[in-house]
Amino acid sequence: MRWTVISLLLFNIIFLLWNWLEYSHSKKVEALNVSVEGAHVEMPGAKVVLLSERSVPVGQAAVVVAIDAADSAAAQPSVTPPVAGDAASVDQENRQCLLLGPYPDPQAARALLERLASLQIEAKYSAVEVAGEPDYWVYLRPEPTKELAAVKLRELQEKKIDSFIIPQGEIANGISLGVFDKQENAEKRRQAIVEMGYNPQLRINPRNYIENWVVIYPEHSALFSPELYNQLHLENNKLDLRKDQCNKVASQIDIH
């Protein structure tokens, strides 16, 4: 009787232990299934898509292209446009004016100005810097001091060579041997000094002077025709027509 009770008790304990193990195993399996299913749930912004699988709508494609173009433009080095003021100053220096003259007589210039004004051609009576014929200067190179220049001068004068000391300028203490208006005469003088055992130099000195001309600026020069100049030249055969830079016009002259 006692063993029967003990056997029933052991059987109940084994039965309860078996049910508890089955229950525990089923819970683990259920939890595992839930976790696996949760991994497939699509969360916003968390889905990974391969680029090859990606289909972009037309509107979005345009946005992508625009962004790429903007990035490309940002990568390009910026180019500074030319300054308008610099170009204007260059044009101002290169402006070409028509010059009629010379007109030493202001009254003759006034008559021409009035005639041009009747043809809607604006002009001015102005002083103009004109390049003249250069001078040709024969000289000996400067000596280191005034004393040595004086020694060289006495030596030349003893040989009957007309000369004098140059007192100032970039060739001060040199010896001047003559200034000529023709290069041919200057060359002859230089060669004569060479034959006397010296080494003279030849320097060309440009000469500019001021003349009075009637000036037509570029804004009106197109109205001045060759036919008009021919007519004016018939009336005054000394009338010259030149084209030169406007910045050489020194100043306007008032005609009273």
Protein backbone atom coordinates (compact mmCIF):
# COMPACT_ATOMS: atom_id res chain seq x y z
CA MET A 1 0.00 0.00 0.00
CA ARG A 2 2.79 2.31 0.92
CA TRP A 3 4.67 1.67 -2.36
CA THR A 4 1.51 2.31 -4.32
CA VAL A 5 1.19 5.77 -2.79
CA ILE A 6 4.85 6.54 -3.38
CA SER A 7 4.59 5.40 -7.02
CA LEU A 8 1.56 7.61 -7.64
CA LEU A 9 3.34 10.58 -6.09
CA LEU A 10 6.41 10.10 -8.28
CA PHE A 11 4.24 9.73 -11.34
CA ASN A 12 2.46 13.05 -10.61
CA ILE A 13 5.80 14.82 -10.10
CA ILE A 14 7.18 13.47 -13.41
CA PHE A 15 3.94 14.44 -15.19
CA LEU A 16 4.09 18.03 -13.88
CA LEU A 17 7.79 18.35 -14.79
CA TRP A 18 7.09 17.13 -18.33
CA ASN A 19 4.21 19.64 -18.81
CA TRP A 20 6.35 22.50 -17.51
CA LEU A 21 9.18 21.67 -19.96
CA GLU A 22 6.67 21.51 -22.88
CA TYR A 23 5.22 24.89 -21.91
CA SER A 24 8.62 26.50 -21.64
CA HIS A 25 9.72 25.16 -25.03
CA SER A 26 6.56 26.46 -26.75
CA LYS A 27 7.12 29.96 -25.35
CA LYS A 28 10.68 30.10 -26.68
CA VAL A 29 9.53 28.99 -30.14
CA GLU A 30 6.79 31.63 -30.15
CA ALA A 31 9.20 34.39 -29.13
CA LEU A 32 11.64 33.33 -31.85
CA ASN A 33 8.89 33.46 -34.51
CA VAL A 34 7.85 36.95 -33.40
CA SER A 35 11.43 38.23 -33.61
CA VAL A 36 11.86 36.77 -37.10
CA GLU A 37 8.63 38.35 -38.32
CA GLY A 38 9.62 41.68 -36.75
CA ALA A 39 12.81 41.69 -38.80
CA HIS A 40 10.73 41.80 -41.98
CA VAL A 41 8.60 44.76 -40.86
CA GLU A 42 9.41 47.82 -43.07
CA MET A 43 10.28 50.79 -40.89
CA PRO A 44 10.21 54.28 -42.49
CA GLY A 45 13.65 55.21 -43.82
CA ALA A 46 15.18 51.90 -42.67
CA LYS A 47 14.79 49.87 -45.86
CA VAL A 48 18.00 49.24 -47.82
CA VAL A 49 17.60 49.18 -51.62
CA LEU A 50 20.31 48.44 -54.16
CA LEU A 51 20.99 51.22 -56.70
CA SER A 52 20.44 48.77 -59.53
CA GLU A 53 16.95 48.03 -58.15
CA ARG A 54 16.08 51.70 -57.70
CA SER A 55 13.61 53.26 -60.12
CA VAL A 56 13.59 57.06 -59.95
CA PRO A 57 10.52 59.00 -61.12
CA VAL A 58 11.02 61.63 -63.81
CA GLY A 59 10.61 64.55 -61.45
CA GLN A 60 13.13 63.16 -58.97
CA ALA A 61 15.61 62.43 -61.75
CA ALA A 62 15.49 66.07 -62.79
CA VAL A 63 16.29 67.08 -59.21
CA VAL A 64 19.29 64.74 -59.10
CA VAL A 65 20.64 66.13 -62.39
CA ALA A 66 20.18 69.70 -61.19
CA ILE A 67 22.08 68.98 -57.98
CA ASP A 68 24.92 67.32 -59.92
CA ALA A 69 25.10 70.32 -62.25
CA ALA A 70 25.20 72.68 -59.29
CA ASP A 71 28.00 70.68 -57.66
CA SER A 72 29.93 70.67 -60.95
CA ALA A 73 29.52 74.42 -61.32
CA ALA A 74 30.71 74.94 -57.75
CA ALA A 75 33.84 72.91 -58.53
CA GLN A 76 34.69 75.09 -61.51
CA PRO A 77 37.10 78.00 -60.78
CA SER A 78 35.41 81.36 -60.85
CA VAL A 79 36.43 83.71 -63.66
CA THR A 80 36.56 87.40 -62.88
CA PRO A 81 34.90 89.42 -65.66
CA PRO A 82 36.90 92.33 -67.11
CA VAL A 83 36.36 95.58 -65.31
CA ALA A 84 34.40 97.97 -67.45
CA GLY A 85 36.41 100.94 -66.16
CA ASP A 86 39.70 99.42 -67.36
CA ALA A 87 38.35 98.81 -70.87
CA ALA A 88 36.97 102.35 -70.98
CA SER A 89 40.34 103.84 -70.01
CA VAL A 90 42.08 101.83 -72.75
CA ASP A 91 39.54 103.02 -75.34
CA GLN A 92 40.00 106.60 -74.12
CA GLU A 93 43.76 106.39 -74.73
CA ASN A 94 43.31 104.95 -78.24
CA ARG A 95 40.69 107.42 -79.48
CA GLN A 96 41.60 108.91 -82.86
CA CYS A 97 40.77 112.51 -83.71
CA LEU A 98 40.81 114.30 -87.07
CA LEU A 99 43.09 117.37 -87.16
CA LEU A 100 42.65 120.18 -89.67
CA GLY A 101 45.31 122.85 -89.90
CA PRO A 102 47.52 124.21 -88.74
CA TYR A 103 45.59 127.41 -88.05
CA PRO A 104 47.83 130.08 -86.54
CA ASP A 105 45.12 132.68 -87.28
CA PRO A 106 42.21 132.36 -84.79
CA GLN A 107 39.80 134.18 -87.12
CA ALA A 108 40.40 131.68 -89.92
CA ALA A 109 39.82 128.90 -87.43
CA ARG A 110 36.56 130.52 -86.31
CA ALA A 111 35.31 130.61 -89.91
CA LEU A 112 36.02 126.90 -90.32
CA LEU A 113 34.33 126.03 -87.01
CA GLU A 114 31.17 127.87 -88.07
CA ARG A 115 31.19 126.13 -91.43
CA LEU A 116 31.53 122.72 -89.82
CA ALA A 117 28.79 123.52 -87.31
CA SER A 118 26.39 124.28 -90.18
CA LEU A 119 27.00 120.67 -91.31
CA GLN A 120 26.29 119.30 -87.80
CA ILE A 121 30.00 118.60 -87.26
CA GLU A 122 31.19 119.66 -83.83
CA ALA A 123 34.84 120.73 -83.67
CA LYS A 124 37.17 122.67 -81.38
CA TYR A 125 40.08 125.03 -81.87
CA SER A 126 42.87 123.48 -79.80
CA ALA A 127 46.57 123.51 -79.11
CA VAL A 128 48.06 120.21 -80.30
CA GLU A 129 51.43 118.67 -79.46
CA VAL A 130 53.10 117.93 -82.77
CA ALA A 131 56.21 115.83 -83.34
CA GLY A 132 58.84 117.81 -85.20
CA GLU A 133 62.08 116.84 -86.91
CA PRO A 134 64.62 115.49 -84.38
CA ASP A 135 68.04 116.90 -83.58
CA TYR A 136 71.22 114.81 -83.99
CA TRP A 137 73.76 115.37 -81.24
CA VAL A 138 77.43 114.33 -81.53
CA TYR A 139 79.27 114.06 -78.20
CA LEU A 140 81.94 112.27 -76.18
CA ARG A 141 80.89 110.13 -73.21
CA PRO A 142 80.89 111.81 -69.77
CA GLU A 143 84.07 112.01 -67.72
CA PRO A 144 83.96 110.91 -64.06
CA THR A 145 84.48 114.49 -62.74
CA LYS A 146 84.21 118.08 -63.92
CA GLU A 147 88.00 118.43 -63.62
CA LEU A 148 88.62 115.55 -66.02
CA ALA A 149 85.98 116.97 -68.37
CA ALA A 150 87.84 120.29 -68.36
CA VAL A 151 91.11 118.47 -69.20
CA LYS A 152 89.42 116.71 -72.12
CA LEU A 153 87.95 120.01 -73.34
CA ARG A 154 91.38 121.73 -73.39
CA GLU A 155 92.79 118.78 -75.30
CA LEU A 156 90.10 119.08 -77.99
CA GLN A 157 90.39 122.83 -78.25
CA GLU A 158 94.15 122.56 -78.74
CA LYS A 159 93.27 120.44 -81.82
CA LYS A 160 90.92 123.16 -83.06
CA ILE A 161 87.82 121.01 -82.42
CA ASP A 162 84.76 123.08 -81.55
CA SER A 163 83.36 121.66 -78.30
CA PHE A 164 82.02 122.49 -74.84
CA ILE A 165 81.26 120.69 -71.58
CA ILE A 166 77.71 119.50 -71.08
CA PRO A 167 76.77 121.02 -67.71
CA GLN A 168 73.78 118.90 -66.67
CA GLY A 169 71.47 116.04 -67.57
CA GLU A 170 72.10 112.33 -67.96
CA ILE A 171 75.30 112.95 -69.94
CA ALA A 172 76.63 115.75 -67.73
CA ASN A 173 80.44 116.13 -67.91
CA GLY A 174 80.36 114.84 -71.45
CA ILE A 175 81.78 116.91 -74.31
CA SER A 176 79.38 118.25 -76.95
CA LEU A 177 80.78 118.26 -80.47
CA GLY A 178 77.79 119.78 -82.26
CA VAL A 179 74.01 119.52 -82.79
CA PHE A 180 72.69 119.04 -86.35
CA ASP A 181 69.24 119.10 -87.90
CA LYS A 182 70.17 116.50 -90.53
CA GLN A 183 71.46 113.04 -89.72
CA GLU A 184 73.77 113.10 -92.73
CA ASN A 185 75.67 116.13 -91.40
CA ALA A 186 75.86 114.60 -87.92
CA GLU A 187 77.37 111.40 -89.35
CA LYS A 188 80.00 113.39 -91.22
CA ARG A 189 80.97 115.20 -88.01
CA ARG A 190 81.15 111.96 -86.04
CA GLN A 191 83.35 110.32 -88.69
CA ALA A 192 85.75 113.30 -88.71
CA ILE A 193 86.19 113.04 -84.92
CA VAL A 194 86.76 109.27 -85.21
CA GLU A 195 89.62 109.91 -87.65
CA MET A 196 91.22 112.13 -85.00
CA GLY A 197 91.41 109.22 -82.58
CA TYR A 198 88.26 109.68 -80.48
CA ASN A 199 85.09 107.63 -80.01
CA PRO A 200 82.16 110.05 -80.42
CA GLN A 201 78.53 109.05 -79.92
CA LEU A 202 75.45 110.06 -81.91
CA ARG A 203 72.27 110.83 -79.99
CA ILE A 204 68.84 111.49 -81.56
CA ASN A 205 66.78 114.08 -79.67
CA PRO A 206 63.09 114.17 -80.61
CA ARG A 207 61.53 117.62 -80.74
CA ASN A 208 57.86 118.35 -80.03
CA TYR A 209 56.18 121.70 -80.34
CA ILE A 210 52.69 123.14 -80.05
CA GLU A 211 50.54 124.11 -83.03
CA ASN A 212 46.94 125.31 -83.26
CA TRP A 213 44.58 122.97 -85.09
CA VAL A 214 40.85 122.46 -85.55
CA VAL A 215 40.07 119.14 -83.87
CA ILE A 216 37.14 116.87 -84.79
CA TYR A 217 36.50 114.20 -82.16
CA PRO A 218 35.54 110.59 -83.04
CA GLU A 219 31.84 111.15 -82.30
CA HIS A 220 31.62 113.50 -85.32
CA SER A 221 34.49 112.41 -87.55
CA ALA A 222 32.24 110.11 -89.61
CA LEU A 223 30.39 113.21 -90.86
CA PHE A 224 33.59 114.71 -92.26
CA SER A 225 33.79 113.26 -95.77
CA PRO A 226 36.78 113.19 -98.17
CA GLU A 227 34.74 115.36 -100.54
CA LEU A 228 34.43 118.05 -97.87
CA TYR A 229 38.18 118.00 -97.26
CA ASN A 230 38.91 118.29 -101.00
CA GLN A 231 36.66 121.33 -101.18
CA LEU A 232 38.36 122.95 -98.18
CA HIS A 233 41.79 122.16 -99.61
CA LEU A 234 40.90 123.86 -102.88
CA GLU A 235 40.15 127.00 -100.91
CA ASN A 236 43.34 126.67 -98.79
CA ASN A 237 46.10 124.55 -100.33
CA LYS A 238 48.12 124.70 -97.09
CA LEU A 239 45.38 122.91 -95.18
CA ASP A 240 46.51 119.54 -93.87
CA LEU A 241 44.38 116.66 -92.62
CA ARG A 242 45.82 114.30 -90.00
CA LYS A 243 44.56 111.52 -87.80
CA ASP A 244 46.16 111.20 -84.39
CA GLN A 245 45.45 110.25 -80.79
CA CYS A 246 43.04 112.58 -79.06
CA ASN A 247 45.15 112.64 -75.89
CA LYS A 248 47.77 114.69 -77.77
CA VAL A 249 45.36 117.63 -77.77
CA ALA A 250 46.96 119.88 -75.17
CA SER A 251 44.13 122.34 -74.49
CA GLN A 252 41.22 124.15 -76.08
CA ILE A 253 41.83 127.70 -77.23
CA ASP A 254 39.22 130.37 -76.66
CA ILE A 255 38.58 132.51 -79.73
CA HIS A 256 37.54 136.07 -78.91
